[in-house]
Amino acid sequence: MAAYVCLVADAATRNRAPAPGANAPQQELTVLGTMLATSIVLVLSAIDTARNAPETFAAMLVPVALAVVLDAVLERLRPQARV
């Protein structure tokens, strides 16, 4: 869930114009601070899970590894764009 929050926050900083009347650098700094705090919580949670429930930690890594492998395979299968 925390990784999803970071991805959404990253997309928000890239694709969104600042709110009317808002200080754009301050708004971006707030989003980046939130992403940093969320990432810290995610890492600490993963460390705690690895120490206390290694089988659960391994189960958490399986979807990540599967996503990396599928991405690599699909990248090779996709036709290359001609420039």
N, C-alpha and C. Protein backbone atom coordinates (compact mmCIF):
# COMPACT_ATOMS: atom_id res chain seq x y z
N MET A 1 0.83 -1.19 0.00
CA MET A 1 0.00 0.00 0.00
C MET A 1 0.87 1.26 0.00
N ALA A 2 1.94 1.23 0.79
CA ALA A 2 2.80 2.41 0.87
C ALA A 2 3.49 2.67 -0.46
N ALA A 3 3.87 1.60 -1.16
CA ALA A 3 4.50 1.78 -2.47
C ALA A 3 3.51 2.42 -3.44
N TYR A 4 2.26 2.03 -3.35
CA TYR A 4 1.22 2.62 -4.20
C TYR A 4 1.08 4.11 -3.91
N VAL A 5 1.10 4.48 -2.65
CA VAL A 5 1.00 5.89 -2.27
C VAL A 5 2.17 6.68 -2.87
N CYS A 6 3.37 6.11 -2.83
CA CYS A 6 4.54 6.79 -3.41
C CYS A 6 4.40 6.94 -4.92
N LEU A 7 3.90 5.92 -5.59
CA LEU A 7 3.72 6.01 -7.04
C LEU A 7 2.68 7.08 -7.41
N VAL A 8 1.60 7.12 -6.67
CA VAL A 8 0.57 8.12 -6.94
C VAL A 8 1.10 9.53 -6.66
N ALA A 9 1.86 9.70 -5.59
CA ALA A 9 2.42 11.01 -5.27
C ALA A 9 3.42 11.44 -6.34
N ASP A 10 4.22 10.50 -6.83
CA ASP A 10 5.17 10.82 -7.90
C ASP A 10 4.42 11.26 -9.15
N ALA A 11 3.37 10.55 -9.51
CA ALA A 11 2.58 10.93 -10.68
C ALA A 11 1.94 12.30 -10.48
N ALA A 12 1.53 12.59 -9.27
CA ALA A 12 0.90 13.88 -8.99
C ALA A 12 1.89 15.02 -9.19
N THR A 13 3.14 14.82 -8.78
CA THR A 13 4.12 15.89 -8.94
C THR A 13 4.49 16.10 -10.40
N ARG A 14 4.40 15.06 -11.20
CA ARG A 14 4.79 15.18 -12.61
C ARG A 14 3.67 15.68 -13.51
N ASN A 15 2.43 15.31 -13.22
CA ASN A 15 1.34 15.54 -14.16
C ASN A 15 0.35 16.62 -13.73
N ARG A 16 0.55 17.21 -12.60
CA ARG A 16 -0.43 18.16 -12.09
C ARG A 16 0.13 19.56 -12.03
N ALA A 17 -0.68 20.49 -12.44
CA ALA A 17 -0.32 21.89 -12.27
C ALA A 17 -0.61 22.27 -10.82
N PRO A 18 0.10 23.25 -10.29
CA PRO A 18 -0.17 23.67 -8.90
C PRO A 18 -1.59 24.19 -8.75
N ALA A 19 -2.13 24.03 -7.57
CA ALA A 19 -3.48 24.53 -7.30
C ALA A 19 -3.48 26.05 -7.42
N PRO A 20 -4.59 26.61 -7.87
CA PRO A 20 -4.66 28.08 -8.00
C PRO A 20 -4.38 28.77 -6.67
N GLY A 21 -3.48 29.72 -6.71
CA GLY A 21 -3.13 30.47 -5.51
C GLY A 21 -2.15 29.76 -4.60
N ALA A 22 -1.73 28.56 -4.96
CA ALA A 22 -0.81 27.80 -4.11
C ALA A 22 0.63 28.12 -4.50
N ASN A 23 1.49 27.99 -3.54
CA ASN A 23 2.91 28.18 -3.77
C ASN A 23 3.45 26.87 -4.34
N ALA A 24 3.78 26.86 -5.63
CA ALA A 24 4.16 25.62 -6.32
C ALA A 24 5.35 24.91 -5.66
N PRO A 25 6.46 25.59 -5.34
CA PRO A 25 7.56 24.87 -4.69
C PRO A 25 7.16 24.29 -3.34
N GLN A 26 6.35 25.02 -2.58
CA GLN A 26 5.91 24.54 -1.27
C GLN A 26 5.03 23.31 -1.42
N GLN A 27 4.14 23.33 -2.43
CA GLN A 27 3.26 22.19 -2.66
C GLN A 27 4.07 20.97 -3.07
N GLU A 28 5.06 21.15 -3.94
CA GLU A 28 5.89 20.04 -4.37
C GLU A 28 6.73 19.51 -3.21
N LEU A 29 7.22 20.40 -2.38
CA LEU A 29 8.01 19.98 -1.21
C LEU A 29 7.16 19.16 -0.25
N THR A 30 5.91 19.53 -0.09
CA THR A 30 5.00 18.78 0.78
C THR A 30 4.78 17.37 0.24
N VAL A 31 4.57 17.25 -1.07
CA VAL A 31 4.36 15.93 -1.68
C VAL A 31 5.63 15.09 -1.56
N LEU A 32 6.78 15.68 -1.82
CA LEU A 32 8.04 14.94 -1.72
C LEU A 32 8.32 14.51 -0.28
N GLY A 33 8.00 15.36 0.69
CA GLY A 33 8.15 14.99 2.10
C GLY A 33 7.25 13.83 2.48
N THR A 34 6.04 13.84 1.96
CA THR A 34 5.12 12.74 2.20
C THR A 34 5.64 11.45 1.59
N MET A 35 6.20 11.55 0.38
CA MET A 35 6.77 10.37 -0.27
C MET A 35 7.94 9.82 0.55
N LEU A 36 8.78 10.70 1.07
CA LEU A 36 9.92 10.27 1.87
C LEU A 36 9.46 9.56 3.14
N ALA A 37 8.49 10.15 3.83
CA ALA A 37 7.98 9.54 5.06
C ALA A 37 7.35 8.17 4.77
N THR A 38 6.60 8.08 3.69
CA THR A 38 5.97 6.82 3.32
C THR A 38 7.02 5.76 3.00
N SER A 39 8.08 6.17 2.30
CA SER A 39 9.14 5.23 1.94
C SER A 39 9.86 4.72 3.18
N ILE A 40 10.09 5.60 4.14
CA ILE A 40 10.75 5.19 5.38
C ILE A 40 9.89 4.16 6.11
N VAL A 41 8.59 4.41 6.19
CA VAL A 41 7.69 3.46 6.84
C VAL A 41 7.70 2.12 6.11
N LEU A 42 7.71 2.15 4.78
CA LEU A 42 7.73 0.92 4.00
C LEU A 42 9.01 0.12 4.25
N VAL A 43 10.15 0.78 4.28
CA VAL A 43 11.42 0.10 4.52
C VAL A 43 11.48 -0.47 5.93
N LEU A 44 11.06 0.31 6.92
CA LEU A 44 11.08 -0.20 8.30
C LEU A 44 10.12 -1.38 8.48
N SER A 45 8.98 -1.32 7.81
CA SER A 45 8.04 -2.44 7.87
C SER A 45 8.64 -3.68 7.23
N ALA A 46 9.33 -3.52 6.10
CA ALA A 46 9.96 -4.66 5.44
C ALA A 46 11.06 -5.26 6.32
N ILE A 47 11.85 -4.41 6.97
CA ILE A 47 12.90 -4.91 7.86
C ILE A 47 12.30 -5.69 9.03
N ASP A 48 11.25 -5.14 9.62
CA ASP A 48 10.59 -5.81 10.73
C ASP A 48 10.00 -7.15 10.29
N THR A 49 9.39 -7.18 9.13
CA THR A 49 8.81 -8.43 8.62
C THR A 49 9.91 -9.45 8.33
N ALA A 50 11.03 -9.01 7.77
CA ALA A 50 12.14 -9.92 7.48
C ALA A 50 12.69 -10.55 8.76
N ARG A 51 12.73 -9.78 9.84
CA ARG A 51 13.26 -10.30 11.11
C ARG A 51 12.29 -11.23 11.81
N ASN A 52 11.01 -10.87 11.80
CA ASN A 52 10.02 -11.60 12.61
C ASN A 52 9.23 -12.66 11.84
N ALA A 53 9.13 -12.53 10.55
CA ALA A 53 8.36 -13.49 9.76
C ALA A 53 9.03 -13.65 8.39
N PRO A 54 10.15 -14.37 8.34
CA PRO A 54 10.88 -14.47 7.08
C PRO A 54 10.07 -15.08 5.94
N GLU A 55 9.16 -16.00 6.26
CA GLU A 55 8.35 -16.60 5.19
C GLU A 55 7.39 -15.57 4.59
N THR A 56 6.87 -14.69 5.41
CA THR A 56 6.01 -13.62 4.91
C THR A 56 6.81 -12.64 4.07
N PHE A 57 8.02 -12.35 4.51
CA PHE A 57 8.89 -11.45 3.75
C PHE A 57 9.20 -12.03 2.37
N ALA A 58 9.48 -13.34 2.33
CA ALA A 58 9.73 -14.00 1.05
C ALA A 58 8.49 -13.93 0.17
N ALA A 59 7.32 -14.10 0.76
CA ALA A 59 6.08 -14.01 0.00
C ALA A 59 5.85 -12.59 -0.53
N MET A 60 6.35 -11.59 0.18
CA MET A 60 6.24 -10.20 -0.29
C MET A 60 7.15 -9.97 -1.50
N LEU A 61 8.28 -10.66 -1.53
CA LEU A 61 9.25 -10.45 -2.61
C LEU A 61 8.86 -11.15 -3.91
N VAL A 62 8.06 -12.21 -3.82
CA VAL A 62 7.69 -12.97 -5.01
C VAL A 62 6.98 -12.10 -6.05
N PRO A 63 5.96 -11.32 -5.70
CA PRO A 63 5.31 -10.48 -6.73
C PRO A 63 6.26 -9.44 -7.33
N VAL A 64 7.17 -8.93 -6.52
CA VAL A 64 8.14 -7.95 -7.04
C VAL A 64 9.05 -8.61 -8.07
N ALA A 65 9.57 -9.79 -7.73
CA ALA A 65 10.44 -10.51 -8.66
C ALA A 65 9.68 -10.90 -9.92
N LEU A 66 8.44 -11.33 -9.77
CA LEU A 66 7.63 -11.69 -10.93
C LEU A 66 7.38 -10.48 -11.83
N ALA A 67 7.14 -9.33 -11.24
CA ALA A 67 6.92 -8.11 -12.02
C ALA A 67 8.17 -7.73 -12.80
N VAL A 68 9.34 -7.86 -12.18
CA VAL A 68 10.60 -7.53 -12.86
C VAL A 68 10.83 -8.48 -14.03
N VAL A 69 10.60 -9.77 -13.81
CA VAL A 69 10.80 -10.76 -14.88
C VAL A 69 9.81 -10.52 -16.02
N LEU A 70 8.55 -10.32 -15.69
CA LEU A 70 7.55 -10.07 -16.74
C LEU A 70 7.85 -8.79 -17.51
N ASP A 71 8.30 -7.77 -16.83
CA ASP A 71 8.65 -6.52 -17.51
C ASP A 71 9.78 -6.75 -18.50
N ALA A 72 10.79 -7.50 -18.08
CA ALA A 72 11.92 -7.77 -18.98
C ALA A 72 11.48 -8.59 -20.19
N VAL A 73 10.64 -9.59 -19.96
CA VAL A 73 10.17 -10.43 -21.07
C VAL A 73 9.32 -9.62 -22.03
N LEU A 74 8.38 -8.86 -21.50
CA LEU A 74 7.50 -8.07 -22.36
C LEU A 74 8.25 -6.98 -23.09
N GLU A 75 9.29 -6.45 -22.49
CA GLU A 75 10.10 -5.42 -23.15
C GLU A 75 10.79 -6.01 -24.38
N ARG A 76 11.23 -7.24 -24.29
CA ARG A 76 11.88 -7.90 -25.43
C ARG A 76 10.89 -8.25 -26.53
N LEU A 77 9.64 -8.57 -26.13
CA LEU A 77 8.63 -8.96 -27.11
C LEU A 77 8.02 -7.77 -27.85
N ARG A 78 8.07 -6.60 -27.23
CA ARG A 78 7.47 -5.42 -27.85
C ARG A 78 8.32 -4.97 -29.03
N PRO A 79 7.65 -4.65 -30.15
CA PRO A 79 8.44 -4.17 -31.31
C PRO A 79 9.11 -2.82 -30.98
N GLN A 80 10.31 -2.67 -31.47
CA GLN A 80 11.07 -1.43 -31.23
C GLN A 80 10.52 -0.30 -32.10
N ALA A 81 10.47 0.89 -31.54
CA ALA A 81 9.99 2.06 -32.28
C ALA A 81 11.08 2.49 -33.27
N ARG A 82 10.66 2.86 -34.45
CA ARG A 82 11.61 3.33 -35.46
C ARG A 82 11.74 4.84 -35.36
N VAL A 83 12.96 5.30 -35.41
CA VAL A 83 13.21 6.73 -35.29
C VAL A 83 13.48 7.32 -36.64
